[in-house]
Amino acid sequence: MTDFWRDSGFGLLERKPNGHLVVTDDFLRAYFQRPEIRPPDEACAAERALHEALLKNPREAVSSPRLDRLADSDARNNYRIVLDFRDRLVKAGTLEACYLDVFLDSAGVAIPPLFVEQMSHVILRSQLDGCADGLRLRAAETLFRSQKVTINDGSIMAADAETVDMFATTGGFGNLGQLVAQAQTPLRTVDLDVIGEDNADIYWDRDSRFDTVLNLNFAGDGLDALCRVLEGWVRHFLDVAVSIQPVQRISDEKWVWHIGLDAEGSALLNDLYNGVEVGEGRLARLLSLFRLDVDDPALMPQAMAGRPIYLAMCMTEDSVLRLKPQNLLVNLPLAERA
């Protein structure tokens, strides 16, 4: 089976029988090898000693006075952020438990978005281990990377936002391209390949390049692949089987529950549910509605057993899709949470 997402950190982790990822010293050590943490040439002796100690034992306790001895204020701040995240990982034991703890914490999300995205990335790598469908892997990218959406002639096309921005500013030529752009010299036009069922194999040679386009049209294979990823995401975390299908509208007089797959989607569904008038501009940013059904109704609160849950996926005013897959996990109505 072809490997993929080698830069996710999956190879540094161990897996429990249920597929959840056990935090290892090697995985923790990788955070202390990040560029923000590695001591620069001018680093003080205290910073160098701390870094060396943490590479040797990435679980070593670090006191506030010890951090205060670092001469560089940026280094002190960076270490506090990384050590706080490390402590969360160690306490949780698995990445899945840490991920849920972050979003169930009454104090709010207290770690940088980058770390959340990295956890999503490696957890999805575990969830999709053995997957032979490049289209499904491309759809899974939307759970941890923002997408720039273009709608032309009714086609909803999602391209990696960071990749789009890079080509917009450098033409794909890095620093050289940026210099050319600043000199107002026309850059080459780059057409990203649209991936679908018929050419899904192109993904394997570019799985970490994030340079393919996903078609999210209703009843299309791209949206179907995303539904399968979301189903697997819920099953992986909660051991709950669900089915998710796109729908064109919500015509349900007994609509009882909904979940936004992003901030825009949450706000839109809340307003629709409460009868608030929604303007055409907001409706135009709605990319898809979905119906989620829990396979075993007994897992839901009695008053909701067998009732569908509606989902919405929207782009922002600047045409960016930022999925929040944690919403499915923390807002799914289960009897054990009632």
Protein backbone atom coordinates (compact mmCIF):
# COMPACT_ATOMS: atom_id res chain seq x y z
CA MET A 1 0.00 0.00 0.00
CA THR A 2 1.35 3.42 -0.96
CA ASP A 3 2.38 5.59 1.99
CA PHE A 4 1.17 9.18 2.19
CA TRP A 5 1.46 12.32 4.33
CA ARG A 6 4.93 11.33 5.54
CA ASP A 7 5.37 14.79 7.06
CA SER A 8 2.34 14.36 9.36
CA GLY A 9 4.37 12.71 12.15
CA PHE A 10 2.41 9.45 11.91
CA GLY A 11 5.62 7.43 11.72
CA LEU A 12 6.70 8.76 15.13
CA LEU A 13 3.61 7.46 16.93
CA GLU A 14 2.26 4.15 18.14
CA ARG A 15 -1.33 2.99 17.78
CA LYS A 16 -3.70 1.41 20.24
CA PRO A 17 -5.96 -1.44 19.04
CA ASN A 18 -8.74 1.10 18.35
CA GLY A 19 -6.40 3.08 16.08
CA HIS A 20 -5.91 5.99 18.48
CA LEU A 21 -2.41 7.44 18.53
CA VAL A 22 -0.26 7.01 21.62
CA VAL A 23 2.01 9.96 22.41
CA THR A 24 5.67 8.88 22.18
CA ASP A 25 8.95 10.53 23.12
CA ASP A 26 9.92 10.73 19.45
CA PHE A 27 6.74 12.63 18.62
CA LEU A 28 7.27 15.05 21.50
CA ARG A 29 10.92 15.48 20.56
CA ALA A 30 9.90 16.64 17.08
CA TYR A 31 8.31 19.76 18.59
CA PHE A 32 11.61 20.74 20.19
CA GLN A 33 13.28 20.40 16.80
CA ARG A 34 10.99 22.98 15.22
CA PRO A 35 12.75 26.11 13.85
CA GLU A 36 11.02 28.31 16.45
CA ILE A 37 12.57 26.27 19.26
CA ARG A 38 16.01 25.34 17.96
CA PRO A 39 18.58 27.73 19.53
CA PRO A 40 20.09 30.20 17.04
CA ASP A 41 23.84 30.84 16.96
CA GLU A 42 23.50 33.76 19.37
CA ALA A 43 21.42 31.84 21.95
CA CYS A 44 22.46 32.05 25.58
CA ALA A 45 23.89 29.10 27.51
CA ALA A 46 20.65 28.59 29.46
CA GLU A 47 18.65 28.25 26.24
CA ARG A 48 21.14 25.80 24.76
CA ALA A 49 21.15 23.71 27.94
CA LEU A 50 17.35 23.60 28.07
CA HIS A 51 17.09 22.55 24.45
CA GLU A 52 19.67 19.81 24.89
CA ALA A 53 17.89 18.50 28.01
CA LEU A 54 14.52 18.37 26.25
CA LEU A 55 15.92 16.53 23.26
CA LYS A 56 17.34 13.96 25.66
CA ASN A 57 14.13 13.72 27.72
CA PRO A 58 11.18 15.46 26.00
CA ARG A 59 8.98 14.87 29.07
CA GLU A 60 11.30 16.68 31.49
CA ALA A 61 9.52 19.15 33.75
CA VAL A 62 10.50 22.77 33.17
CA SER A 63 9.85 25.33 35.91
CA SER A 64 8.98 28.98 35.34
CA PRO A 65 12.26 30.16 36.97
CA ARG A 66 14.16 27.97 34.53
CA LEU A 67 12.39 29.59 31.60
CA ASP A 68 12.96 33.04 33.06
CA ARG A 69 16.71 32.44 32.78
CA LEU A 70 16.48 32.47 28.99
CA ALA A 71 17.86 35.77 27.76
CA ASP A 72 15.65 36.03 24.67
CA SER A 73 12.01 36.96 25.37
CA ASP A 74 10.78 35.36 22.13
CA ALA A 75 12.48 32.10 23.10
CA ARG A 76 10.80 32.20 26.53
CA ASN A 77 7.41 32.73 24.93
CA ASN A 78 7.92 30.00 22.33
CA TYR A 79 8.97 27.51 24.97
CA ARG A 80 5.95 28.30 27.14
CA ILE A 81 3.60 27.65 24.22
CA VAL A 82 5.25 24.40 23.17
CA LEU A 83 5.64 23.12 26.73
CA ASP A 84 1.99 23.82 27.49
CA PHE A 85 1.00 21.82 24.43
CA ARG A 86 3.43 19.04 25.35
CA ASP A 87 1.92 18.83 28.84
CA ARG A 88 -1.56 18.54 27.33
CA LEU A 89 -0.40 15.70 25.07
CA VAL A 90 1.33 13.84 27.90
CA LYS A 91 -1.64 14.19 30.24
CA ALA A 92 -4.11 13.02 27.58
CA GLY A 93 -2.01 10.03 26.53
CA THR A 94 -3.37 9.93 22.97
CA LEU A 95 -3.73 12.59 20.31
CA GLU A 96 -7.44 11.91 20.03
CA ALA A 97 -7.97 12.47 23.75
CA CYS A 98 -5.91 15.65 23.63
CA TYR A 99 -7.85 16.93 20.61
CA LEU A 100 -11.19 16.41 22.31
CA ASP A 101 -9.91 17.88 25.58
CA VAL A 102 -8.89 21.07 23.79
CA PHE A 103 -12.42 21.67 22.49
CA LEU A 104 -14.27 20.48 25.59
CA ASP A 105 -12.17 22.70 27.86
CA SER A 106 -14.46 25.26 29.50
CA ALA A 107 -11.60 27.77 29.42
CA GLY A 108 -11.65 27.73 25.62
CA VAL A 109 -9.07 26.72 23.04
CA ALA A 110 -5.70 27.68 24.47
CA ILE A 111 -3.30 26.32 21.86
CA PRO A 112 -2.25 27.85 18.53
CA PRO A 113 -4.36 26.90 15.48
CA LEU A 114 -1.22 25.43 13.90
CA PHE A 115 -1.09 22.72 16.58
CA VAL A 116 -4.79 21.96 16.11
CA GLU A 117 -4.25 21.56 12.37
CA GLN A 118 -1.25 19.31 12.96
CA MET A 119 -3.26 17.08 15.28
CA SER A 120 -6.05 16.86 12.70
CA HIS A 121 -3.49 16.01 10.02
CA VAL A 122 -1.88 13.10 11.86
CA ILE A 123 -5.18 11.78 13.27
CA LEU A 124 -6.62 11.70 9.76
CA ARG A 125 -3.48 9.89 8.62
CA SER A 126 -4.25 7.18 11.17
CA GLN A 127 -7.94 7.14 10.31
CA LEU A 128 -7.20 6.74 6.60
CA ASP A 129 -4.36 4.25 6.96
CA GLY A 130 -4.68 1.74 4.15
CA CYS A 131 -6.89 3.99 2.03
CA ALA A 132 -6.23 3.46 -1.68
CA ASP A 133 -8.48 6.30 -2.91
CA GLY A 134 -6.54 9.46 -3.75
CA LEU A 135 -9.77 11.42 -4.09
CA ARG A 136 -10.77 10.61 -0.51
CA LEU A 137 -7.35 11.69 0.73
CA ARG A 138 -7.69 14.97 -1.16
CA ALA A 139 -11.12 15.52 0.40
CA ALA A 140 -9.59 14.88 3.83
CA GLU A 141 -7.18 17.80 3.30
CA THR A 142 -10.13 20.16 3.77
CA LEU A 143 -10.31 19.14 7.45
CA PHE A 144 -6.89 20.59 8.24
CA ARG A 145 -6.11 23.07 5.47
CA SER A 146 -8.15 26.12 4.41
CA GLN A 147 -9.52 26.10 0.87
CA LYS A 148 -9.98 28.94 -1.61
CA VAL A 149 -13.30 28.45 -3.37
CA THR A 150 -14.10 29.50 -6.93
CA ILE A 151 -17.58 29.16 -8.43
CA ASN A 152 -17.73 29.27 -12.22
CA ASP A 153 -20.69 28.19 -14.36
CA GLY A 154 -22.17 26.38 -11.37
CA SER A 155 -19.01 24.41 -10.57
CA ILE A 156 -17.73 24.70 -6.99
CA MET A 157 -13.95 24.32 -7.05
CA ALA A 158 -11.83 24.21 -3.89
CA ALA A 159 -8.06 24.72 -4.06
CA ASP A 160 -5.62 24.83 -1.16
CA ALA A 161 -5.62 28.44 0.05
CA GLU A 162 -1.92 28.52 0.91
CA THR A 163 -1.02 27.10 -2.49
CA VAL A 164 -3.25 29.63 -4.26
CA ASP A 165 -1.66 32.48 -2.30
CA MET A 166 1.83 31.21 -3.10
CA PHE A 167 1.16 31.15 -6.84
CA ALA A 168 -0.55 34.53 -6.65
CA THR A 169 2.52 36.14 -5.10
CA THR A 170 5.43 34.14 -6.52
CA GLY A 171 4.09 32.25 -9.52
CA GLY A 172 5.43 29.11 -7.88
CA PHE A 173 9.03 30.33 -8.08
CA GLY A 174 9.53 31.12 -4.39
CA ASN A 175 11.63 34.19 -3.50
CA LEU A 176 12.64 34.67 -7.12
CA GLY A 177 9.01 34.82 -8.15
CA GLN A 178 8.30 37.37 -5.44
CA LEU A 179 11.04 39.60 -6.80
CA VAL A 180 9.61 39.25 -10.30
CA ALA A 181 6.14 40.12 -9.03
CA GLN A 182 7.47 43.20 -7.22
CA ALA A 183 9.07 44.25 -10.49
CA GLN A 184 5.60 44.00 -12.07
CA THR A 185 6.76 41.43 -14.58
CA PRO A 186 3.95 39.02 -15.59
CA LEU A 187 4.22 35.63 -13.91
CA ARG A 188 3.36 32.35 -15.58
CA THR A 189 -0.21 31.12 -15.26
CA VAL A 190 -0.53 27.88 -13.31
CA ASP A 191 -3.52 25.62 -13.79
CA LEU A 192 -4.02 23.21 -10.91
CA ASP A 193 -5.37 19.78 -11.80
CA VAL A 194 -8.93 18.94 -10.81
CA ILE A 195 -8.96 15.53 -9.13
CA GLY A 196 -11.84 13.11 -9.51
CA GLU A 197 -12.62 9.42 -9.60
CA ASP A 198 -11.19 9.04 -13.11
CA ASN A 199 -7.76 10.50 -12.26
CA ALA A 200 -7.49 9.94 -8.50
CA ASP A 201 -4.14 8.17 -8.95
CA ILE A 202 -2.42 11.51 -9.61
CA TYR A 203 -2.62 12.12 -5.86
CA TRP A 204 0.06 9.60 -4.95
CA ASP A 205 2.89 11.57 -6.55
CA ARG A 206 1.85 14.84 -4.90
CA ASP A 207 0.20 13.86 -1.60
CA SER A 208 2.02 16.56 0.38
CA ARG A 209 2.09 19.24 -2.30
CA PHE A 210 -1.53 20.34 -1.82
CA ASP A 211 -1.81 21.33 -5.47
CA THR A 212 -4.98 19.64 -6.72
CA VAL A 213 -8.49 21.07 -6.97
CA LEU A 214 -11.55 19.39 -5.44
CA ASN A 215 -14.95 19.70 -7.11
CA LEU A 216 -17.63 20.09 -4.42
CA ASN A 217 -20.69 20.05 -6.67
CA PHE A 218 -23.88 18.46 -5.36
CA ALA A 219 -24.02 14.71 -6.12
CA GLY A 220 -20.42 14.84 -7.36
CA ASP A 221 -17.68 12.38 -6.44
CA GLY A 222 -15.69 15.05 -4.55
CA LEU A 223 -18.53 15.85 -2.16
CA ASP A 224 -19.23 12.14 -1.76
CA ALA A 225 -15.58 11.57 -0.79
CA LEU A 226 -15.84 14.33 1.82
CA CYS A 227 -18.94 12.67 3.30
CA ARG A 228 -17.07 9.39 3.67
CA VAL A 229 -14.18 11.18 5.40
CA LEU A 230 -16.55 12.89 7.84
CA GLU A 231 -18.26 9.59 8.62
CA GLY A 232 -14.89 8.02 9.36
CA TRP A 233 -13.89 11.01 11.51
CA VAL A 234 -16.90 10.50 13.81
CA ARG A 235 -16.40 6.75 13.95
CA HIS A 236 -12.68 7.08 14.69
CA PHE A 237 -13.19 9.40 17.66
CA LEU A 238 -16.54 8.37 19.11
CA ASP A 239 -16.98 4.79 17.88
CA VAL A 240 -20.36 5.86 16.53
CA ALA A 241 -21.47 4.86 13.03
CA VAL A 242 -23.20 7.63 11.08
CA SER A 243 -24.20 8.17 7.48
CA ILE A 244 -23.84 11.58 5.84
CA GLN A 245 -25.40 12.57 2.53
CA PRO A 246 -25.71 15.93 0.72
CA VAL A 247 -29.20 17.41 0.49
CA GLN A 248 -30.40 20.34 -1.58
CA ARG A 249 -32.68 21.84 1.07
CA ILE A 250 -34.04 21.33 4.57
CA SER A 251 -37.79 20.74 4.31
CA ASP A 252 -38.36 19.19 7.71
CA GLU A 253 -41.16 20.45 9.95
CA LYS A 254 -39.59 18.53 12.85
CA TRP A 255 -36.06 19.89 12.40
CA VAL A 256 -34.58 19.43 15.85
CA TRP A 257 -30.77 19.60 15.57
CA HIS A 258 -28.08 21.04 13.34
CA ILE A 259 -24.31 21.43 13.27
CA GLY A 260 -22.29 23.89 11.24
CA LEU A 261 -19.13 22.43 9.73
CA ASP A 262 -17.56 25.89 9.97
CA ALA A 263 -18.26 29.20 11.67
CA GLU A 264 -20.27 30.56 8.73
CA GLY A 265 -22.29 27.35 8.50
CA SER A 266 -23.11 27.43 12.22
CA ALA A 267 -24.33 31.02 12.05
CA LEU A 268 -26.41 30.37 8.94
CA LEU A 269 -28.15 27.29 10.35
CA ASN A 270 -28.83 29.07 13.65
CA ASP A 271 -30.54 31.92 11.83
CA LEU A 272 -32.54 29.62 9.55
CA TYR A 273 -33.67 27.53 12.50
CA ASN A 274 -34.76 30.62 14.44
CA GLY A 275 -36.61 32.10 11.49
CA VAL A 276 -34.19 34.99 11.01
CA GLU A 277 -34.26 36.39 7.50
CA VAL A 278 -31.10 35.46 5.61
CA GLY A 279 -29.99 37.64 2.74
CA GLU A 280 -29.08 36.42 -0.72
CA GLY A 281 -25.42 37.23 -0.13
CA ARG A 282 -25.16 34.79 2.78
CA LEU A 283 -27.15 32.12 0.99
CA ALA A 284 -24.79 32.43 -1.98
CA ARG A 285 -21.92 31.44 0.31
CA LEU A 286 -23.64 28.18 1.24
CA LEU A 287 -21.65 25.42 -0.47
CA SER A 288 -23.60 22.40 0.71
CA LEU A 289 -26.20 21.09 3.14
CA PHE A 290 -26.00 17.57 4.51
CA ARG A 291 -28.17 15.11 6.40
CA LEU A 292 -26.50 13.04 9.11
CA ASP A 293 -28.20 9.93 10.51
CA VAL A 294 -26.90 7.97 13.50
CA ASP A 295 -27.04 4.28 12.55
CA ASP A 296 -28.13 3.19 16.03
CA PRO A 297 -30.95 5.51 17.23
CA ALA A 298 -30.53 4.12 20.76
CA LEU A 299 -27.31 6.14 21.03
CA MET A 300 -29.28 9.40 20.77
CA PRO A 301 -31.43 11.08 23.43
CA GLN A 302 -34.89 9.50 23.43
CA ALA A 303 -36.59 12.66 22.17
CA MET A 304 -34.28 12.74 19.15
CA ALA A 305 -33.95 9.05 18.38
CA GLY A 306 -34.20 8.45 14.66
CA ARG A 307 -34.30 12.15 13.78
CA PRO A 308 -31.82 13.49 11.22
CA ILE A 309 -29.15 16.06 12.04
CA TYR A 310 -28.55 18.76 9.44
CA LEU A 311 -25.11 20.09 8.56
CA ALA A 312 -24.02 23.12 6.56
CA MET A 313 -20.75 24.05 4.89
CA CYS A 314 -20.17 27.68 3.88
CA MET A 315 -17.37 29.85 2.59
CA THR A 316 -16.50 33.26 4.01
CA GLU A 317 -17.03 36.59 2.27
CA ASP A 318 -13.52 36.28 0.84
CA SER A 319 -14.37 32.82 -0.57
CA VAL A 320 -12.39 30.76 1.95
CA LEU A 321 -13.64 27.47 3.38
CA ARG A 322 -12.34 26.75 6.90
CA LEU A 323 -13.83 23.53 8.15
CA LYS A 324 -14.01 22.91 11.89
CA PRO A 325 -14.26 19.11 12.10
CA GLN A 326 -14.29 19.35 15.90
CA ASN A 327 -17.86 20.64 15.64
CA LEU A 328 -19.06 17.19 14.59
CA LEU A 329 -17.45 15.63 17.65
CA VAL A 330 -18.46 18.04 20.40
CA ASN A 331 -21.95 18.88 19.11
CA LEU A 332 -23.21 15.46 18.08
CA PRO A 333 -26.25 14.75 20.31
CA LEU A 334 -25.57 11.47 22.07
CA ALA A 335 -27.55 10.02 24.97
CA GLU A 336 -24.45 9.62 27.13
CA ARG A 337 -23.93 13.41 26.98
CA ALA A 338 -27.53 14.35 27.74
